[in-house]
Every structure is written in structure tokens, then in C-alpha cells.
PDB file of N, CA and C in Angstrom:
ATOM      1  N   MET A   1     -22.135  32.605   1.053  1.00  0.00           N
ATOM      2  CA  MET A   1     -21.235  31.685   1.029  1.00  0.00           C
ATOM      3  C   MET A   1     -20.849  30.552   1.493  1.00  0.00           C
ATOM      4  N   ILE A   2     -21.215  30.469   2.420  1.00  0.00           N
ATOM      5  CA  ILE A   2     -21.187  29.434   3.148  1.00  0.00           C
ATOM      6  C   ILE A   2     -21.313  27.950   2.518  1.00  0.00           C
ATOM      7  N   TRP A   3     -22.717  28.131   2.006  1.00  0.00           N
ATOM      8  CA  TRP A   3     -23.372  26.622   1.376  1.00  0.00           C
ATOM      9  C   TRP A   3     -21.877  26.497   0.282  1.00  0.00           C
ATOM     10  N   VAL A   4     -21.712  26.766  -0.293  1.00  0.00           N
ATOM     11  CA  VAL A   4     -20.265  26.422  -1.120  1.00  0.00           C
ATOM     12  C   VAL A   4     -19.069  25.850  -0.389  1.00  0.00           C
ATOM     13  N   LEU A   5     -18.570  25.917   0.493  1.00  0.00           N
ATOM     14  CA  LEU A   5     -17.978  25.216   1.430  1.00  0.00           C
ATOM     15  C   LEU A   5     -18.604  24.160   2.040  1.00  0.00           C
ATOM     16  N   VAL A   6     -19.738  24.132   2.844  1.00  0.00           N
ATOM     17  CA  VAL A   6     -20.342  22.808   2.842  1.00  0.00           C
ATOM     18  C   VAL A   6     -20.863  21.938   1.933  1.00  0.00           C
ATOM     19  N   SER A   7     -21.303  22.702   0.813  1.00  0.00           N
ATOM     20  CA  SER A   7     -21.396  21.514  -0.131  1.00  0.00           C
ATOM     21  C   SER A   7     -20.160  20.804  -0.625  1.00  0.00           C
ATOM     22  N   SER A   8     -19.268  22.037  -0.583  1.00  0.00           N
ATOM     23  CA  SER A   8     -17.547  21.085  -1.366  1.00  0.00           C
ATOM     24  C   SER A   8     -17.579  20.009  -0.374  1.00  0.00           C
ATOM     25  N   LEU A   9     -17.804  20.194   1.572  1.00  0.00           N
ATOM     26  CA  LEU A   9     -17.231  19.109   1.477  1.00  0.00           C
ATOM     27  C   LEU A   9     -18.442  17.712   1.790  1.00  0.00           C
ATOM     28  N   ILE A  10     -19.609  18.559   1.745  1.00  0.00           N
ATOM     29  CA  ILE A  10     -20.067  17.122   1.069  1.00  0.00           C
ATOM     30  C   ILE A  10     -20.139  16.631   0.209  1.00  0.00           C
ATOM     31  N   ILE A  11     -19.637  17.132  -0.915  1.00  0.00           N
ATOM     32  CA  ILE A  11     -19.737  15.930  -2.584  1.00  0.00           C
ATOM     33  C   ILE A  11     -18.521  15.500  -2.548  1.00  0.00           C
ATOM     34  N   ARG A  12     -16.633  15.913  -2.013  1.00  0.00           N
ATOM     35  CA  ARG A  12     -16.015  15.239  -1.937  1.00  0.00           C
ATOM     36  C   ARG A  12     -16.822  14.081  -0.474  1.00  0.00           C
ATOM     37  N   ILE A  13     -17.515  14.263   0.493  1.00  0.00           N
ATOM     38  CA  ILE A  13     -16.927  12.806   1.112  1.00  0.00           C
ATOM     39  C   ILE A  13     -18.369  11.647  -0.250  1.00  0.00           C
ATOM     40  N   CYS A  14     -18.737  12.346  -0.596  1.00  0.00           N
ATOM     41  CA  CYS A  14     -19.749  11.039  -1.897  1.00  0.00           C
ATOM     42  C   CYS A  14     -19.177  10.909  -2.374  1.00  0.00           C
ATOM     43  N   SER A  15     -17.957  11.575  -3.174  1.00  0.00           N
ATOM     44  CA  SER A  15     -17.280  11.512  -4.283  1.00  0.00           C
ATOM     45  C   SER A  15     -16.356  10.090  -3.354  1.00  0.00           C
ATOM     46  N   ASP A  16     -16.128  10.629  -2.545  1.00  0.00           N
ATOM     47  CA  ASP A  16     -14.790   9.596  -1.809  1.00  0.00           C
ATOM     48  C   ASP A  16     -15.248   8.114  -1.194  1.00  0.00           C
ATOM     49  N   LEU A  17     -16.562   8.355  -1.412  1.00  0.00           N
ATOM     50  CA  LEU A  17     -17.597   6.670  -0.562  1.00  0.00           C
ATOM     51  C   LEU A  17     -18.076   6.465  -2.104  1.00  0.00           C
ATOM     52  N   GLY A  18     -18.466   7.461  -3.072  1.00  0.00           N
ATOM     53  CA  GLY A  18     -18.171   5.922  -4.325  1.00  0.00           C
ATOM     54  C   GLY A  18     -17.541   5.645  -5.136  1.00  0.00           C
ATOM     55  N   PHE A  19     -16.125   6.206  -4.813  1.00  0.00           N
ATOM     56  CA  PHE A  19     -15.191   5.291  -5.189  1.00  0.00           C
ATOM     57  C   PHE A  19     -14.557   4.447  -4.538  1.00  0.00           C
ATOM     58  N   LYS A  20     -14.657   4.751  -3.218  1.00  0.00           N
ATOM     59  CA  LYS A  20     -14.142   2.911  -2.662  1.00  0.00           C
ATOM     60  C   LYS A  20     -15.203   2.783  -2.872  1.00  0.00           C
ATOM     61  N   PHE A  21     -16.753   2.573  -3.031  1.00  0.00           N
ATOM     62  CA  PHE A  21     -18.108   1.388  -3.892  1.00  0.00           C
ATOM     63  C   PHE A  21     -17.294   1.433  -4.530  1.00  0.00           C
ATOM     64  N   ALA A  22     -17.091   1.928  -5.487  1.00  0.00           N
ATOM     65  CA  ALA A  22     -16.621   0.710  -6.396  1.00  0.00           C
ATOM     66  C   ALA A  22     -15.772   0.063  -6.802  1.00  0.00           C
ATOM     67  N   VAL A  23     -14.466   0.246  -5.991  1.00  0.00           N
ATOM     68  CA  VAL A  23     -13.174  -1.085  -6.455  1.00  0.00           C
ATOM     69  C   VAL A  23     -13.920  -1.581  -5.305  1.00  0.00           C
ATOM     70  N   ASN A  24     -14.164  -1.878  -3.774  1.00  0.00           N
ATOM     71  CA  ASN A  24     -14.321  -2.245  -3.205  1.00  0.00           C
ATOM     72  C   ASN A  24     -14.493  -3.636  -3.268  1.00  0.00           C
ATOM     73  N   ARG A  25     -14.511  -4.597  -4.578  1.00  0.00           N
ATOM     74  CA  ARG A  25     -14.559  -6.182  -4.560  1.00  0.00           C
ATOM     75  C   ARG A  25     -14.253  -6.172  -5.361  1.00  0.00           C
ATOM     76  N   LEU A  26     -12.711  -6.007  -6.372  1.00  0.00           N
ATOM     77  CA  LEU A  26     -11.848  -5.298  -7.112  1.00  0.00           C
ATOM     78  C   LEU A  26     -10.624  -5.979  -6.006  1.00  0.00           C
ATOM     79  N   ASN A  27      -9.864  -6.978  -6.807  1.00  0.00           N
ATOM     80  CA  ASN A  27      -8.473  -7.613  -6.221  1.00  0.00           C
ATOM     81  C   ASN A  27      -7.350  -6.662  -6.815  1.00  0.00           C
ATOM     82  N   PHE A  28      -6.198  -5.561  -7.252  1.00  0.00           N
ATOM     83  CA  PHE A  28      -5.448  -5.302  -7.338  1.00  0.00           C
ATOM     84  C   PHE A  28      -4.015  -5.825  -6.801  1.00  0.00           C
ATOM     85  N   ASP A  29      -4.219  -6.652  -6.707  1.00  0.00           N
ATOM     86  CA  ASP A  29      -2.721  -8.071  -6.084  1.00  0.00           C
ATOM     87  C   ASP A  29      -1.792  -8.124  -7.200  1.00  0.00           C
ATOM     88  N   SER A  30      -1.905  -8.033  -8.285  1.00  0.00           N
ATOM     89  CA  SER A  30      -0.578  -8.351  -8.661  1.00  0.00           C
ATOM     90  C   SER A  30      -0.668  -7.111 -10.576  1.00  0.00           C
ATOM     91  N   ALA A  31       0.089  -7.811 -10.774  1.00  0.00           N
ATOM     92  CA  ALA A  31       0.323  -6.542 -12.396  1.00  0.00           C
ATOM     93  C   ALA A  31      -0.689  -7.468 -12.992  1.00  0.00           C
ATOM     94  N   SER A  32      -1.162  -8.713 -13.452  1.00  0.00           N
ATOM     95  CA  SER A  32      -2.079  -8.853 -14.334  1.00  0.00           C
ATOM     96  C   SER A  32      -3.402  -8.697 -14.110  1.00  0.00           C
ATOM     97  N   SER A  33      -3.267  -8.156 -12.863  1.00  0.00           N
ATOM     98  CA  SER A  33      -5.024  -7.839 -12.850  1.00  0.00           C
ATOM     99  C   SER A  33      -5.503  -6.566 -13.197  1.00  0.00           C
ATOM    100  N   VAL A  34      -3.808  -5.654 -12.743  1.00  0.00           N
ATOM    101  CA  VAL A  34      -4.768  -4.224 -12.803  1.00  0.00           C
ATOM    102  C   VAL A  34      -5.511  -4.034 -13.886  1.00  0.00           C
ATOM    103  N   ILE A  35      -5.345  -4.649 -15.530  1.00  0.00           N
ATOM    104  CA  ILE A  35      -5.887  -3.946 -16.506  1.00  0.00           C
ATOM    105  C   ILE A  35      -8.215  -4.520 -16.749  1.00  0.00           C
ATOM    106  N   PRO A  36      -8.208  -5.829 -16.117  1.00  0.00           N
ATOM    107  CA  PRO A  36      -9.506  -5.901 -15.997  1.00  0.00           C
ATOM    108  C   PRO A  36     -10.180  -6.062 -15.132  1.00  0.00           C
ATOM    109  N   ASN A  37      -9.251  -5.376 -13.668  1.00  0.00           N
ATOM    110  CA  ASN A  37     -10.090  -4.856 -12.893  1.00  0.00           C
ATOM    111  C   ASN A  37     -10.349  -2.961 -12.993  1.00  0.00           C
ATOM    112  N   PHE A  38      -9.370  -2.628 -13.445  1.00  0.00           N
ATOM    113  CA  PHE A  38      -9.935  -1.759 -14.053  1.00  0.00           C
ATOM    114  C   PHE A  38     -10.895  -0.710 -14.729  1.00  0.00           C
ATOM    115  N   LEU A  39     -11.193  -2.205 -15.696  1.00  0.00           N
ATOM    116  CA  LEU A  39     -12.184  -2.362 -16.982  1.00  0.00           C
ATOM    117  C   LEU A  39     -13.698  -2.219 -16.225  1.00  0.00           C
ATOM    118  N   LYS A  40     -13.221  -3.702 -15.528  1.00  0.00           N
ATOM    119  CA  LYS A  40     -14.920  -4.029 -14.868  1.00  0.00           C
ATOM    120  C   LYS A  40     -14.934  -2.284 -13.675  1.00  0.00           C
ATOM    121  N   MET A  41     -14.151  -1.694 -12.805  1.00  0.00           N
ATOM    122  CA  MET A  41     -14.370  -0.453 -12.580  1.00  0.00           C
ATOM    123  C   MET A  41     -14.786   0.460 -13.116  1.00  0.00           C
ATOM    124  N   LEU A  42     -14.654   0.724 -14.542  1.00  0.00           N
ATOM    125  CA  LEU A  42     -15.285   1.387 -15.550  1.00  0.00           C
ATOM    126  C   LEU A  42     -16.631   1.458 -15.745  1.00  0.00           C
ATOM    127  N   SER A  43     -17.287  -0.272 -15.587  1.00  0.00           N
ATOM    128  CA  SER A  43     -17.936  -0.228 -16.358  1.00  0.00           C
ATOM    129  C   SER A  43     -19.099  -0.211 -15.071  1.00  0.00           C
ATOM    130  N   THR A  44     -18.820   0.150 -14.188  1.00  0.00           N
ATOM    131  CA  THR A  44     -19.978   0.316 -12.953  1.00  0.00           C
ATOM    132  C   THR A  44     -20.232   1.562 -12.568  1.00  0.00           C
ATOM    133  N   PRO A  45     -21.585   2.193 -12.843  1.00  0.00           N
ATOM    134  CA  PRO A  45     -22.250   3.045 -13.165  1.00  0.00           C
ATOM    135  C   PRO A  45     -21.888   4.198 -11.805  1.00  0.00           C
ATOM    136  N   VAL A  46     -21.603   3.369 -10.821  1.00  0.00           N
ATOM    137  CA  VAL A  46     -21.097   4.691  -9.676  1.00  0.00           C
ATOM    138  C   VAL A  46     -19.946   5.429  -9.699  1.00  0.00           C
ATOM    139  N   ILE A  47     -18.230   4.509 -10.353  1.00  0.00           N
ATOM    140  CA  ILE A  47     -17.365   5.898 -10.500  1.00  0.00           C
ATOM    141  C   ILE A  47     -17.814   6.120 -10.985  1.00  0.00           C
ATOM    142  N   TRP A  48     -18.812   6.744 -12.326  1.00  0.00           N
ATOM    143  CA  TRP A  48     -18.959   7.502 -12.882  1.00  0.00           C
ATOM    144  C   TRP A  48     -19.073   8.359 -12.236  1.00  0.00           C
ATOM    145  N   ILE A  49     -20.461   8.290 -11.716  1.00  0.00           N
ATOM    146  CA  ILE A  49     -20.713   9.023 -10.745  1.00  0.00           C
ATOM    147  C   ILE A  49     -19.787   9.847  -9.701  1.00  0.00           C
ATOM    148  N   ALA A  50     -19.359   8.901  -9.365  1.00  0.00           N
ATOM    149  CA  ALA A  50     -17.881   9.293  -8.640  1.00  0.00           C
ATOM    150  C   ALA A  50     -16.977  10.289  -9.170  1.00  0.00           C
ATOM    151  N   GLY A  51     -16.694   9.417 -10.388  1.00  0.00           N
ATOM    152  CA  GLY A  51     -16.008  11.198 -11.645  1.00  0.00           C
ATOM    153  C   GLY A  51     -16.984  12.230 -11.523  1.00  0.00           C
ATOM    154  N   LEU A  52     -17.438  12.665 -11.854  1.00  0.00           N
ATOM    155  CA  LEU A  52     -18.800  13.896 -11.993  1.00  0.00           C
ATOM    156  C   LEU A  52     -18.995  14.542 -10.576  1.00  0.00           C
ATOM    157  N   LEU A  53     -18.694  14.263  -9.275  1.00  0.00           N
ATOM    158  CA  LEU A  53     -18.778  14.294  -7.801  1.00  0.00           C
ATOM    159  C   LEU A  53     -17.468  15.151  -8.106  1.00  0.00           C
ATOM    160  N   ALA A  54     -15.999  14.426  -8.418  1.00  0.00           N
ATOM    161  CA  ALA A  54     -15.056  15.037  -8.071  1.00  0.00           C
ATOM    162  C   ALA A  54     -14.935  16.165  -9.196  1.00  0.00           C
ATOM    163  N   ILE A  55     -15.475  16.605 -10.185  1.00  0.00           N
ATOM    164  CA  ILE A  55     -15.178  17.616 -10.990  1.00  0.00           C
ATOM    165  C   ILE A  55     -16.572  18.667  -9.952  1.00  0.00           C
ATOM    166  N   CYS A  56     -17.087  18.349  -9.536  1.00  0.00           N
ATOM    167  CA  CYS A  56     -18.100  19.187  -9.312  1.00  0.00           C
ATOM    168  C   CYS A  56     -17.717  19.658  -7.755  1.00  0.00           C
ATOM    169  N   ASN A  57     -16.819  18.620  -7.444  1.00  0.00           N
ATOM    170  CA  ASN A  57     -16.060  19.012  -6.363  1.00  0.00           C
ATOM    171  C   ASN A  57     -14.766  19.982  -6.567  1.00  0.00           C
ATOM    172  N   PHE A  58     -14.133  19.913  -8.037  1.00  0.00           N
ATOM    173  CA  PHE A  58     -12.840  20.801  -7.902  1.00  0.00           C
ATOM    174  C   PHE A  58     -13.164  22.373  -8.452  1.00  0.00           C
ATOM    175  N   TRP A  59     -14.343  22.569  -8.841  1.00  0.00           N
ATOM    176  CA  TRP A  59     -15.055  23.568  -9.399  1.00  0.00           C
ATOM    177  C   TRP A  59     -16.071  24.067  -8.143  1.00  0.00           C
ATOM    178  N   LEU A  60     -16.496  23.123  -7.054  1.00  0.00           N
ATOM    179  CA  LEU A  60     -16.688  24.413  -6.034  1.00  0.00           C
ATOM    180  C   LEU A  60     -15.639  24.356  -4.877  1.00  0.00           C
ATOM    181  N   TRP A  61     -14.151  23.810  -5.137  1.00  0.00           N
ATOM    182  CA  TRP A  61     -13.691  23.996  -3.788  1.00  0.00           C
ATOM    183  C   TRP A  61     -12.413  25.401  -4.798  1.00  0.00           C
ATOM    184  N   GLY A  62     -12.886  25.107  -6.006  1.00  0.00           N
ATOM    185  CA  GLY A  62     -12.144  26.694  -6.803  1.00  0.00           C
ATOM    186  C   GLY A  62     -12.780  27.898  -6.177  1.00  0.00           C
ATOM    187  N   MET A  63     -14.306  27.821  -6.294  1.00  0.00           N
ATOM    188  CA  MET A  63     -15.344  28.918  -5.476  1.00  0.00           C
ATOM    189  C   MET A  63     -14.710  29.019  -4.010  1.00  0.00           C
ATOM    190  N   VAL A  64     -15.085  28.093  -3.395  1.00  0.00           N
ATOM    191  CA  VAL A  64     -14.301  28.831  -1.614  1.00  0.00           C
ATOM    192  C   VAL A  64     -13.110  29.025  -1.504  1.00  0.00           C
ATOM    193  N   LEU A  65     -12.090  28.275  -2.007  1.00  0.00           N
ATOM    194  CA  LEU A  65     -11.148  29.511  -2.407  1.00  0.00           C
ATOM    195  C   LEU A  65     -10.452  30.517  -2.755  1.00  0.00           C
ATOM    196  N   SER A  66     -11.910  31.563  -3.695  1.00  0.00           N
ATOM    197  CA  SER A  66     -11.976  32.929  -3.881  1.00  0.00           C
ATOM    198  C   SER A  66     -12.621  33.372  -3.018  1.00  0.00           C
ATOM    199  N   ASN A  67     -13.289  32.616  -1.671  1.00  0.00           N
ATOM    200  CA  ASN A  67     -14.398  33.423  -0.886  1.00  0.00           C
ATOM    201  C   ASN A  67     -13.494  33.065   0.840  1.00  0.00           C
ATOM    202  N   PHE A  68     -12.651  32.208   1.382  1.00  0.00           N
ATOM    203  CA  PHE A  68     -12.669  32.159   2.206  1.00  0.00           C
ATOM    204  C   PHE A  68     -10.498  31.630   2.988  1.00  0.00           C
ATOM    205  N   ASP A  69      -9.826  32.290   3.084  1.00  0.00           N
ATOM    206  CA  ASP A  69      -8.755  32.150   3.356  1.00  0.00           C
ATOM    207  C   ASP A  69      -8.296  30.717   3.371  1.00  0.00           C
ATOM    208  N   LEU A  70      -7.378  30.042   3.186  1.00  0.00           N
ATOM    209  CA  LEU A  70      -6.908  29.293   2.605  1.00  0.00           C
ATOM    210  C   LEU A  70      -6.405  28.376   4.248  1.00  0.00           C
ATOM    211  N   SER A  71      -5.987  29.474   4.653  1.00  0.00           N
ATOM    212  CA  SER A  71      -6.065  28.351   6.616  1.00  0.00           C
ATOM    213  C   SER A  71      -7.109  28.504   7.175  1.00  0.00           C
ATOM    214  N   PHE A  72      -8.361  28.621   6.550  1.00  0.00           N
ATOM    215  CA  PHE A  72      -9.258  28.533   7.246  1.00  0.00           C
ATOM    216  C   PHE A  72      -9.657  26.980   6.382  1.00  0.00           C
ATOM    217  N   ALA A  73      -9.806  27.437   5.185  1.00  0.00           N
ATOM    218  CA  ALA A  73     -10.594  26.245   3.915  1.00  0.00           C
ATOM    219  C   ALA A  73     -10.132  24.814   4.004  1.00  0.00           C
ATOM    220  N   TYR A  74      -8.736  24.755   4.289  1.00  0.00           N
ATOM    221  CA  TYR A  74      -8.304  23.912   3.927  1.00  0.00           C
ATOM    222  C   TYR A  74      -8.218  22.807   5.220  1.00  0.00           C
ATOM    223  N   PRO A  75      -7.731  23.749   6.189  1.00  0.00           N
ATOM    224  CA  PRO A  75      -7.646  23.392   7.777  1.00  0.00           C
ATOM    225  C   PRO A  75      -8.830  22.189   8.397  1.00  0.00           C
ATOM    226  N   LEU A  76     -10.249  23.719   7.941  1.00  0.00           N
ATOM    227  CA  LEU A  76     -11.805  22.755   7.901  1.00  0.00           C
ATOM    228  C   LEU A  76     -11.741  21.699   6.994  1.00  0.00           C
ATOM    229  N   PHE A  77     -11.376  21.219   5.739  1.00  0.00           N
ATOM    230  CA  PHE A  77     -11.699  20.231   5.299  1.00  0.00           C
ATOM    231  C   PHE A  77     -10.836  19.368   5.598  1.00  0.00           C
ATOM    232  N   SER A  78     -10.254  19.458   6.778  1.00  0.00           N
ATOM    233  CA  SER A  78      -9.813  17.840   7.409  1.00  0.00           C
ATOM    234  C   SER A  78     -11.273  16.892   8.240  1.00  0.00           C
ATOM    235  N   ILE A  79     -12.515  17.663   8.369  1.00  0.00           N
ATOM    236  CA  ILE A  79     -13.837  17.218   8.919  1.00  0.00           C
ATOM    237  C   ILE A  79     -13.705  16.120   7.987  1.00  0.00           C
ATOM    238  N   CYS A  80     -13.324  16.397   6.741  1.00  0.00           N
ATOM    239  CA  CYS A  80     -14.439  15.290   5.722  1.00  0.00           C
ATOM    240  C   CYS A  80     -13.352  13.868   5.804  1.00  0.00           C
ATOM    241  N   PHE A  81     -11.865  14.016   6.479  1.00  0.00           N
ATOM    242  CA  PHE A  81     -11.506  12.604   6.668  1.00  0.00           C
ATOM    243  C   PHE A  81     -12.448  11.837   8.276  1.00  0.00           C
ATOM    244  N   VAL A  82     -12.826  12.667   8.744  1.00  0.00           N
ATOM    245  CA  VAL A  82     -13.204  12.135   9.825  1.00  0.00           C
ATOM    246  C   VAL A  82     -14.978  11.453   9.795  1.00  0.00           C
ATOM    247  N   LEU A  83     -15.650  12.305   8.456  1.00  0.00           N
ATOM    248  CA  LEU A  83     -16.944  11.605   7.833  1.00  0.00           C
ATOM    249  C   LEU A  83     -16.395  10.788   7.380  1.00  0.00           C
ATOM    250  N   ILE A  84     -15.599  10.260   6.269  1.00  0.00           N
ATOM    251  CA  ILE A  84     -15.366   9.784   5.156  1.00  0.00           C
ATOM    252  C   ILE A  84     -15.307   8.029   6.434  1.00  0.00           C
ATOM    253  N   MET A  85     -14.348   8.101   6.940  1.00  0.00           N
ATOM    254  CA  MET A  85     -14.029   7.184   8.331  1.00  0.00           C
ATOM    255  C   MET A  85     -15.621   6.835   8.561  1.00  0.00           C
ATOM    256  N   ILE A  86     -16.149   7.781   9.128  1.00  0.00           N
ATOM    257  CA  ILE A  86     -17.322   7.162   9.911  1.00  0.00           C
ATOM    258  C   ILE A  86     -18.171   6.711   9.003  1.00  0.00           C
ATOM    259  N   GLY A  87     -18.193   6.816   7.272  1.00  0.00           N
ATOM    260  CA  GLY A  87     -18.884   6.214   6.266  1.00  0.00           C
ATOM    261  C   GLY A  87     -18.224   5.130   6.307  1.00  0.00           C
ATOM    262  N   GLY A  88     -16.953   5.120   6.458  1.00  0.00           N
ATOM    263  CA  GLY A  88     -16.734   3.578   5.935  1.00  0.00           C
ATOM    264  C   GLY A  88     -17.186   2.580   6.942  1.00  0.00           C
ATOM    265  N   LYS A  89     -17.241   2.876   8.048  1.00  0.00           N
ATOM    266  CA  LYS A  89     -17.608   2.572   9.426  1.00  0.00           C
ATOM    267  C   LYS A  89     -19.058   1.964   9.262  1.00  0.00           C
ATOM    268  N   VAL A  90     -19.962   2.737   8.893  1.00  0.00           N
ATOM    269  CA  VAL A  90     -21.844   2.813   7.720  1.00  0.00           C
ATOM    270  C   VAL A  90     -21.594   1.886   6.542  1.00  0.00           C
ATOM    271  N   PHE A  91     -21.054   1.687   5.758  1.00  0.00           N
ATOM    272  CA  PHE A  91     -21.513   0.989   4.859  1.00  0.00           C
ATOM    273  C   PHE A  91     -20.426   0.185   3.968  1.00  0.00           C
ATOM    274  N   PHE A  92     -19.049   0.289   4.706  1.00  0.00           N
ATOM    275  CA  PHE A  92     -18.358  -0.909   4.446  1.00  0.00           C
ATOM    276  C   PHE A  92     -17.805  -1.712   5.802  1.00  0.00           C
ATOM    277  N   GLN A  93     -18.496  -1.264   6.920  1.00  0.00           N
ATOM    278  CA  GLN A  93     -17.923  -2.614   8.194  1.00  0.00           C
ATOM    279  C   GLN A  93     -16.614  -2.125   8.552  1.00  0.00           C
ATOM    280  N   GLU A  94     -16.155  -1.419   8.138  1.00  0.00           N
ATOM    281  CA  GLU A  94     -14.471  -0.988   8.677  1.00  0.00           C
ATOM    282  C   GLU A  94     -14.547  -0.890   9.591  1.00  0.00           C
ATOM    283  N   GLN A  95     -13.188  -1.504  10.853  1.00  0.00           N
ATOM    284  CA  GLN A  95     -13.076  -1.067  11.971  1.00  0.00           C
ATOM    285  C   GLN A  95     -12.382  -0.182  12.086  1.00  0.00           C
ATOM    286  N   LEU A  96     -12.845   0.631  13.220  1.00  0.00           N
ATOM    287  CA  LEU A  96     -12.095   2.237  14.311  1.00  0.00           C
ATOM    288  C   LEU A  96     -12.039   1.840  15.373  1.00  0.00           C
ATOM    289  N   ASP A  97     -10.492   1.623  15.716  1.00  0.00           N
ATOM    290  CA  ASP A  97     -10.106   1.081  17.020  1.00  0.00           C
ATOM    291  C   ASP A  97     -10.084   2.210  17.480  1.00  0.00           C
ATOM    292  N   THR A  98      -9.566   2.817  18.608  1.00  0.00           N
ATOM    293  CA  THR A  98      -9.686   3.561  19.711  1.00  0.00           C
ATOM    294  C   THR A  98      -8.837   4.761  19.535  1.00  0.00           C
ATOM    295  N   TYR A  99      -7.576   4.392  19.009  1.00  0.00           N
ATOM    296  CA  TYR A  99      -6.577   5.306  18.226  1.00  0.00           C
ATOM    297  C   TYR A  99      -7.182   6.114  16.897  1.00  0.00           C
ATOM    298  N   LYS A 100      -8.512   5.665  15.855  1.00  0.00           N
ATOM    299  CA  LYS A 100      -9.146   6.428  15.003  1.00  0.00           C
ATOM    300  C   LYS A 100     -10.201   6.657  15.660  1.00  0.00           C
ATOM    301  N   TRP A 101     -10.532   7.032  16.476  1.00  0.00           N
ATOM    302  CA  TRP A 101     -11.906   7.575  17.337  1.00  0.00           C
ATOM    303  C   TRP A 101     -11.238   8.255  18.144  1.00  0.00           C
ATOM    304  N   VAL A 102      -9.491   8.860  18.650  1.00  0.00           N
ATOM    305  CA  VAL A 102      -9.272   9.261  19.035  1.00  0.00           C
ATOM    306  C   VAL A 102      -8.428  10.902  18.095  1.00  0.00           C
ATOM    307  N   GLY A 103      -7.538   9.979  16.962  1.00  0.00           N
ATOM    308  CA  GLY A 103      -7.904  10.869  16.424  1.00  0.00           C
ATOM    309  C   GLY A 103      -8.735  11.380  15.376  1.00  0.00           C
ATOM    310  N   MET A 104     -10.098  11.237  14.942  1.00  0.00           N
ATOM    311  CA  MET A 104     -11.702  11.851  14.548  1.00  0.00           C
ATOM    312  C   MET A 104     -12.253  13.258  16.373  1.00  0.00           C
ATOM    313  N   GLY A 105     -11.639  12.702  17.535  1.00  0.00           N
ATOM    314  CA  GLY A 105     -11.782  13.460  18.086  1.00  0.00           C
ATOM    315  C   GLY A 105     -10.701  14.410  18.271  1.00  0.00           C
ATOM    316  N   LEU A 106      -9.843  14.583  17.874  1.00  0.00           N
ATOM    317  CA  LEU A 106      -9.429  15.354  17.390  1.00  0.00           C
ATOM    318  C   LEU A 106      -9.259  16.054  16.590  1.00  0.00           C
ATOM    319  N   ILE A 107      -9.186  15.734  15.299  1.00  0.00           N
ATOM    320  CA  ILE A 107      -9.413  16.132  14.219  1.00  0.00           C
ATOM    321  C   ILE A 107     -10.686  17.357  14.418  1.00  0.00           C
ATOM    322  N   SER A 108     -12.085  16.796  15.351  1.00  0.00           N
ATOM    323  CA  SER A 108     -13.572  17.612  15.242  1.00  0.00           C
ATOM    324  C   SER A 108     -12.975  18.471  16.115  1.00  0.00           C
ATOM    325  N   PHE A 109     -12.394  18.420  17.132  1.00  0.00           N
ATOM    326  CA  PHE A 109     -11.997  19.339  18.206  1.00  0.00           C
ATOM    327  C   PHE A 109     -11.011  20.470  17.431  1.00  0.00           C
ATOM    328  N   GLY A 110     -10.639  20.500  16.479  1.00  0.00           N
ATOM    329  CA  GLY A 110      -9.410  20.834  16.137  1.00  0.00           C
ATOM    330  C   GLY A 110     -10.368  21.881  14.571  1.00  0.00           C
ATOM    331  N   SER A 111     -11.315  21.484  14.267  1.00  0.00           N
ATOM    332  CA  SER A 111     -12.217  22.331  13.420  1.00  0.00           C
ATOM    333  C   SER A 111     -13.656  22.903  14.285  1.00  0.00           C
ATOM    334  N   LEU A 112     -13.528  22.674  15.213  1.00  0.00           N
ATOM    335  CA  LEU A 112     -14.770  23.544  15.686  1.00  0.00           C
ATOM    336  C   LEU A 112     -13.643  24.742  16.652  1.00  0.00           C
ATOM    337  N   ILE A 113     -12.589  24.357  16.915  1.00  0.00           N
ATOM    338  CA  ILE A 113     -11.785  25.271  16.668  1.00  0.00           C
ATOM    339  C   ILE A 113     -11.647  26.423  16.026  1.00  0.00           C
ATOM    340  N   LEU A 114     -11.120  26.301  15.236  1.00  0.00           N
ATOM    341  CA  LEU A 114     -10.914  26.704  13.463  1.00  0.00           C
ATOM    342  C   LEU A 114     -12.631  27.554  13.085  1.00  0.00           C
ATOM    343  N   VAL A 115     -13.145  26.832  13.656  1.00  0.00           N
ATOM    344  CA  VAL A 115     -14.745  27.725  12.842  1.00  0.00           C
ATOM    345  C   VAL A 115     -15.283  28.903  13.986  1.00  0.00           C
ATOM    346  N   PHE A 116     -15.204  28.552  15.556  1.00  0.00           N
ATOM    347  CA  PHE A 116     -15.753  29.185  16.199  1.00  0.00           C
ATOM    348  C   PHE A 116     -14.324  29.851  17.672  1.00  0.00           C
ATOM    349  N   GLY A 117     -13.636  29.428  17.029  1.00  0.00           N
ATOM    350  CA  GLY A 117     -12.082  30.555  17.962  1.00  0.00           C
ATOM    351  C   GLY A 117     -12.198  30.380  18.787  1.00  0.00           C
ATOM    352  N   LEU A 118     -12.905  28.770  19.410  1.00  0.00           N
ATOM    353  CA  LEU A 118     -12.808  28.943  20.693  1.00  0.00           C
ATOM    354  C   LEU A 118     -11.235  28.712  21.492  1.00  0.00           C
TER     355      LEU A 118
END
């Protein structure tokens, strides 16, 4: 059943990066821009793909929770934060300062402890 957990993690990361890609060039800086930007966002195929991935992730997450302890699965899912931040750096040229790298290292180390019982 580990494939369900890994699939759920990968789909979650792709979904979040897809949502970011769909809204990356939109500017929600005023109340009057919300509706036009929302409609523009809905017209991009990426938002629909990301939404479908989110639905798939919801289904897979249910499978994960039915097969793994919540005390294992949920903390392990924090590795998504690390991989999404790296995806932001790679795909959107976002800045990762020292504090973010340290935080990602701590999350990764915590996930290793969780998985391998170090």
C-alpha cells in the first residue's frame, strides 16, 4: 500500500504547483479585480488539471488514511512542503533563504525519523 501513499504525495505536489502556475500572472490586489481574474483563471487548462489532481488526491488520501495510522501518514505528508518549496524555486524562480533551507532540512530529517525510526 506504500504506492498509494507515494502517489498521493506526488499528486498533491503536482496539484499545488499547478494551482500556482494558473494564478502566477494574476493580480488580486483589489476587490474589482477578483471576478475578472477568477474568470481568467478558470479559462486556463492548468487550473482544471490541478483541480482534477486535487480530487484524485482527496480519493487517495482516503485510501492512505484507511491503511496507515494518522500519526504516521499526516506528519509524513509534511515532506510535500519541502518538495513544493523546491518546485517553487525550480519552476517559478522563488527565493529560498537560509531559514527556508533550514526549515526544509528539519522537516526532511523529521520525515526520515518517522519512516526509518532513527
